[in-house]
Amino acid sequence: MTMSEIPSQFQSLLRAHLPYADSAELSARDELAGLGLDSMGVVRLLVDIENGYAVELPDDLLDESTFATVGSLWQALVTLPAFPPVR
């Protein structure tokens, strides 16, 4: 996965929950915990994702591997059947 595959809309939504992220483009390999995402941040991020994309993440996706990196989280979203197509 390349950086260009992570849409700027998703990066903006994500960046609001990453206190240590700078203004540079987020990479798929960036570790969310390393950028300051903690357990409370995951809950707030989950709400923002579900509201922003009108989806519901199934419980089986709510684990550490999904929230490990920018890319793992984005990949979990785009595999949802109800996820809107990326333009």
N, C-alpha and C. Protein backbone atom coordinates (compact mmCIF):
# COMPACT_ATOMS: atom_id res chain seq x y z
N MET A 1 0.85 -1.18 0.00
CA MET A 1 0.00 0.00 0.00
C MET A 1 0.89 1.24 0.00
N THR A 2 0.59 2.16 -0.87
CA THR A 2 1.37 3.39 -0.94
C THR A 2 0.62 4.52 -0.24
N MET A 3 1.35 5.60 0.02
CA MET A 3 0.73 6.74 0.67
C MET A 3 -0.43 7.27 -0.15
N SER A 4 -0.32 7.24 -1.46
CA SER A 4 -1.37 7.80 -2.29
C SER A 4 -2.65 6.98 -2.20
N GLU A 5 -2.57 5.77 -1.68
CA GLU A 5 -3.77 4.95 -1.51
C GLU A 5 -4.53 5.30 -0.23
N ILE A 6 -3.95 6.13 0.61
CA ILE A 6 -4.63 6.58 1.83
C ILE A 6 -5.21 7.97 1.51
N PRO A 7 -6.52 8.05 1.28
CA PRO A 7 -7.11 9.33 0.85
C PRO A 7 -6.92 10.44 1.88
N SER A 8 -6.81 11.65 1.38
CA SER A 8 -6.58 12.80 2.27
C SER A 8 -7.74 13.00 3.24
N GLN A 9 -8.96 12.67 2.84
CA GLN A 9 -10.11 12.80 3.74
C GLN A 9 -9.92 11.90 4.96
N PHE A 10 -9.47 10.67 4.72
CA PHE A 10 -9.23 9.74 5.82
C PHE A 10 -8.06 10.21 6.67
N GLN A 11 -7.01 10.71 6.03
CA GLN A 11 -5.86 11.22 6.78
C GLN A 11 -6.28 12.37 7.69
N SER A 12 -7.13 13.25 7.19
CA SER A 12 -7.60 14.38 8.01
C SER A 12 -8.39 13.90 9.21
N LEU A 13 -9.28 12.95 8.98
CA LEU A 13 -10.08 12.41 10.08
C LEU A 13 -9.16 11.76 11.11
N LEU A 14 -8.20 11.00 10.64
CA LEU A 14 -7.27 10.29 11.51
C LEU A 14 -6.36 11.24 12.27
N ARG A 15 -5.85 12.24 11.60
CA ARG A 15 -4.90 13.17 12.19
C ARG A 15 -5.46 13.86 13.44
N ALA A 16 -6.76 14.07 13.48
CA ALA A 16 -7.39 14.71 14.65
C ALA A 16 -7.23 13.88 15.92
N HIS A 17 -6.89 12.60 15.76
CA HIS A 17 -6.74 11.69 16.90
C HIS A 17 -5.28 11.31 17.16
N LEU A 18 -4.37 11.94 16.43
CA LEU A 18 -2.95 11.60 16.53
C LEU A 18 -2.15 12.82 16.99
N PRO A 19 -2.01 13.00 18.31
CA PRO A 19 -1.35 14.20 18.82
C PRO A 19 0.12 14.34 18.42
N TYR A 20 0.78 13.25 18.07
CA TYR A 20 2.20 13.33 17.72
C TYR A 20 2.45 13.36 16.21
N ALA A 21 1.38 13.36 15.42
CA ALA A 21 1.55 13.41 13.96
C ALA A 21 1.88 14.84 13.55
N ASP A 22 2.85 14.99 12.66
CA ASP A 22 3.15 16.32 12.14
C ASP A 22 2.28 16.57 10.91
N SER A 23 2.56 17.59 10.19
CA SER A 23 1.70 17.95 9.06
C SER A 23 2.03 17.17 7.79
N ALA A 24 3.05 16.33 7.84
CA ALA A 24 3.42 15.53 6.67
C ALA A 24 2.34 14.50 6.38
N GLU A 25 2.32 14.04 5.14
CA GLU A 25 1.35 13.01 4.75
C GLU A 25 1.61 11.75 5.56
N LEU A 26 0.53 11.10 5.99
CA LEU A 26 0.66 9.87 6.75
C LEU A 26 0.98 8.71 5.81
N SER A 27 1.84 7.84 6.26
CA SER A 27 2.22 6.66 5.49
C SER A 27 1.41 5.46 5.99
N ALA A 28 1.16 4.52 5.11
CA ALA A 28 0.46 3.30 5.49
C ALA A 28 1.19 2.56 6.61
N ARG A 29 2.51 2.72 6.68
CA ARG A 29 3.31 2.03 7.70
C ARG A 29 3.37 2.77 9.04
N ASP A 30 2.86 4.00 9.11
CA ASP A 30 2.92 4.75 10.36
C ASP A 30 2.13 4.03 11.45
N GLU A 31 2.78 3.83 12.59
CA GLU A 31 2.14 3.15 13.71
C GLU A 31 1.27 4.15 14.48
N LEU A 32 0.01 3.78 14.66
CA LEU A 32 -0.94 4.69 15.31
C LEU A 32 -0.57 4.95 16.77
N ALA A 33 -0.13 3.94 17.50
CA ALA A 33 0.27 4.13 18.90
C ALA A 33 1.46 5.08 18.99
N GLY A 34 2.39 4.96 18.06
CA GLY A 34 3.55 5.83 18.04
C GLY A 34 3.21 7.28 17.75
N LEU A 35 2.06 7.47 17.10
CA LEU A 35 1.61 8.83 16.80
C LEU A 35 0.66 9.35 17.88
N GLY A 36 0.53 8.59 18.98
CA GLY A 36 -0.22 9.06 20.14
C GLY A 36 -1.62 8.53 20.30
N LEU A 37 -2.04 7.56 19.47
CA LEU A 37 -3.38 7.01 19.61
C LEU A 37 -3.40 6.05 20.80
N ASP A 38 -4.21 6.38 21.81
CA ASP A 38 -4.34 5.52 22.99
C ASP A 38 -5.73 4.87 22.98
N SER A 39 -6.05 4.12 24.01
CA SER A 39 -7.32 3.37 24.02
C SER A 39 -8.54 4.29 23.96
N MET A 40 -8.50 5.41 24.65
CA MET A 40 -9.62 6.36 24.57
C MET A 40 -9.67 6.99 23.18
N GLY A 41 -8.51 7.24 22.60
CA GLY A 41 -8.46 7.78 21.25
C GLY A 41 -9.05 6.83 20.23
N VAL A 42 -8.83 5.52 20.43
CA VAL A 42 -9.39 4.52 19.53
C VAL A 42 -10.92 4.60 19.56
N VAL A 43 -11.49 4.74 20.75
CA VAL A 43 -12.94 4.83 20.88
C VAL A 43 -13.47 6.07 20.15
N ARG A 44 -12.82 7.21 20.36
CA ARG A 44 -13.26 8.44 19.69
C ARG A 44 -13.06 8.34 18.18
N LEU A 45 -11.96 7.76 17.75
CA LEU A 45 -11.69 7.58 16.33
C LEU A 45 -12.73 6.66 15.71
N LEU A 46 -13.07 5.60 16.39
CA LEU A 46 -14.08 4.67 15.89
C LEU A 46 -15.41 5.38 15.66
N VAL A 47 -15.82 6.20 16.60
CA VAL A 47 -17.06 6.97 16.45
C VAL A 47 -16.97 7.90 15.24
N ASP A 48 -15.85 8.60 15.10
CA ASP A 48 -15.69 9.51 13.96
C ASP A 48 -15.69 8.77 12.62
N ILE A 49 -15.06 7.61 12.58
CA ILE A 49 -15.05 6.82 11.34
C ILE A 49 -16.46 6.36 11.00
N GLU A 50 -17.15 5.81 12.00
CA GLU A 50 -18.50 5.30 11.74
C GLU A 50 -19.45 6.42 11.33
N ASN A 51 -19.33 7.58 11.95
CA ASN A 51 -20.17 8.72 11.58
C ASN A 51 -19.76 9.32 10.24
N GLY A 52 -18.47 9.46 10.04
CA GLY A 52 -17.96 10.10 8.83
C GLY A 52 -18.17 9.30 7.56
N TYR A 53 -18.15 7.98 7.68
CA TYR A 53 -18.29 7.12 6.50
C TYR A 53 -19.61 6.35 6.49
N ALA A 54 -20.46 6.57 7.49
CA ALA A 54 -21.76 5.90 7.59
C ALA A 54 -21.61 4.37 7.51
N VAL A 55 -20.66 3.86 8.29
CA VAL A 55 -20.43 2.41 8.36
C VAL A 55 -20.39 2.01 9.83
N GLU A 56 -20.46 0.71 10.05
CA GLU A 56 -20.27 0.18 11.40
C GLU A 56 -19.20 -0.89 11.32
N LEU A 57 -18.16 -0.72 12.10
CA LEU A 57 -17.09 -1.73 12.12
C LEU A 57 -17.55 -2.92 12.94
N PRO A 58 -17.51 -4.11 12.35
CA PRO A 58 -17.91 -5.31 13.11
C PRO A 58 -16.93 -5.58 14.25
N ASP A 59 -17.45 -6.21 15.28
CA ASP A 59 -16.63 -6.48 16.47
C ASP A 59 -15.35 -7.24 16.15
N ASP A 60 -15.37 -8.13 15.14
CA ASP A 60 -14.17 -8.91 14.85
C ASP A 60 -13.05 -8.06 14.26
N LEU A 61 -13.35 -6.82 13.85
CA LEU A 61 -12.29 -5.92 13.37
C LEU A 61 -11.74 -5.02 14.48
N LEU A 62 -12.39 -5.04 15.62
CA LEU A 62 -11.98 -4.15 16.71
C LEU A 62 -10.90 -4.81 17.57
N ASP A 63 -9.71 -4.90 16.98
CA ASP A 63 -8.59 -5.49 17.72
C ASP A 63 -7.31 -4.70 17.45
N GLU A 64 -6.25 -5.11 18.12
CA GLU A 64 -4.98 -4.38 18.01
C GLU A 64 -4.43 -4.36 16.60
N SER A 65 -4.61 -5.44 15.86
CA SER A 65 -4.04 -5.48 14.51
C SER A 65 -4.72 -4.48 13.57
N THR A 66 -6.02 -4.27 13.74
CA THR A 66 -6.72 -3.29 12.91
C THR A 66 -6.21 -1.89 13.18
N PHE A 67 -5.96 -1.58 14.44
CA PHE A 67 -5.54 -0.24 14.85
C PHE A 67 -4.03 -0.13 15.01
N ALA A 68 -3.27 -1.01 14.37
CA ALA A 68 -1.81 -0.99 14.49
C ALA A 68 -1.18 0.13 13.67
N THR A 69 -1.57 0.23 12.41
CA THR A 69 -0.98 1.24 11.52
C THR A 69 -2.07 1.95 10.74
N VAL A 70 -1.68 3.04 10.11
CA VAL A 70 -2.60 3.77 9.24
C VAL A 70 -3.13 2.83 8.17
N GLY A 71 -2.24 2.06 7.57
CA GLY A 71 -2.62 1.15 6.50
C GLY A 71 -3.53 0.02 6.95
N SER A 72 -3.27 -0.54 8.12
CA SER A 72 -4.12 -1.65 8.59
C SER A 72 -5.53 -1.17 8.88
N LEU A 73 -5.66 0.02 9.40
CA LEU A 73 -6.99 0.57 9.66
C LEU A 73 -7.71 0.88 8.35
N TRP A 74 -7.01 1.51 7.41
CA TRP A 74 -7.63 1.83 6.12
C TRP A 74 -8.04 0.55 5.40
N GLN A 75 -7.19 -0.47 5.43
CA GLN A 75 -7.50 -1.74 4.76
C GLN A 75 -8.74 -2.38 5.37
N ALA A 76 -8.88 -2.31 6.69
CA ALA A 76 -10.07 -2.87 7.35
C ALA A 76 -11.33 -2.15 6.88
N LEU A 77 -11.23 -0.85 6.69
CA LEU A 77 -12.40 -0.07 6.25
C LEU A 77 -12.79 -0.41 4.81
N VAL A 78 -11.83 -0.42 3.92
CA VAL A 78 -12.18 -0.62 2.50
C VAL A 78 -12.67 -2.04 2.22
N THR A 79 -12.45 -2.97 3.12
CA THR A 79 -12.95 -4.32 2.91
C THR A 79 -14.38 -4.50 3.42
N LEU A 80 -14.92 -3.48 4.09
CA LEU A 80 -16.31 -3.57 4.54
C LEU A 80 -17.25 -3.51 3.34
N PRO A 81 -18.24 -4.39 3.28
CA PRO A 81 -19.17 -4.39 2.15
C PRO A 81 -19.91 -3.06 1.98
N ALA A 82 -20.20 -2.39 3.08
CA ALA A 82 -20.98 -1.15 3.01
C ALA A 82 -20.11 0.10 2.85
N PHE A 83 -18.78 -0.08 2.73
CA PHE A 83 -17.90 1.08 2.67
C PHE A 83 -18.09 1.80 1.34
N PRO A 84 -18.23 3.13 1.40
CA PRO A 84 -18.41 3.88 0.15
C PRO A 84 -17.18 3.78 -0.74
N PRO A 85 -17.40 3.77 -2.04
CA PRO A 85 -16.25 3.73 -2.94
C PRO A 85 -15.39 4.98 -2.82
N VAL A 86 -14.08 4.80 -2.98
CA VAL A 86 -13.14 5.90 -2.88
C VAL A 86 -13.07 6.60 -4.22
N ARG A 87 -13.15 7.92 -4.18
CA ARG A 87 -13.06 8.71 -5.43
C ARG A 87 -11.86 9.58 -5.39
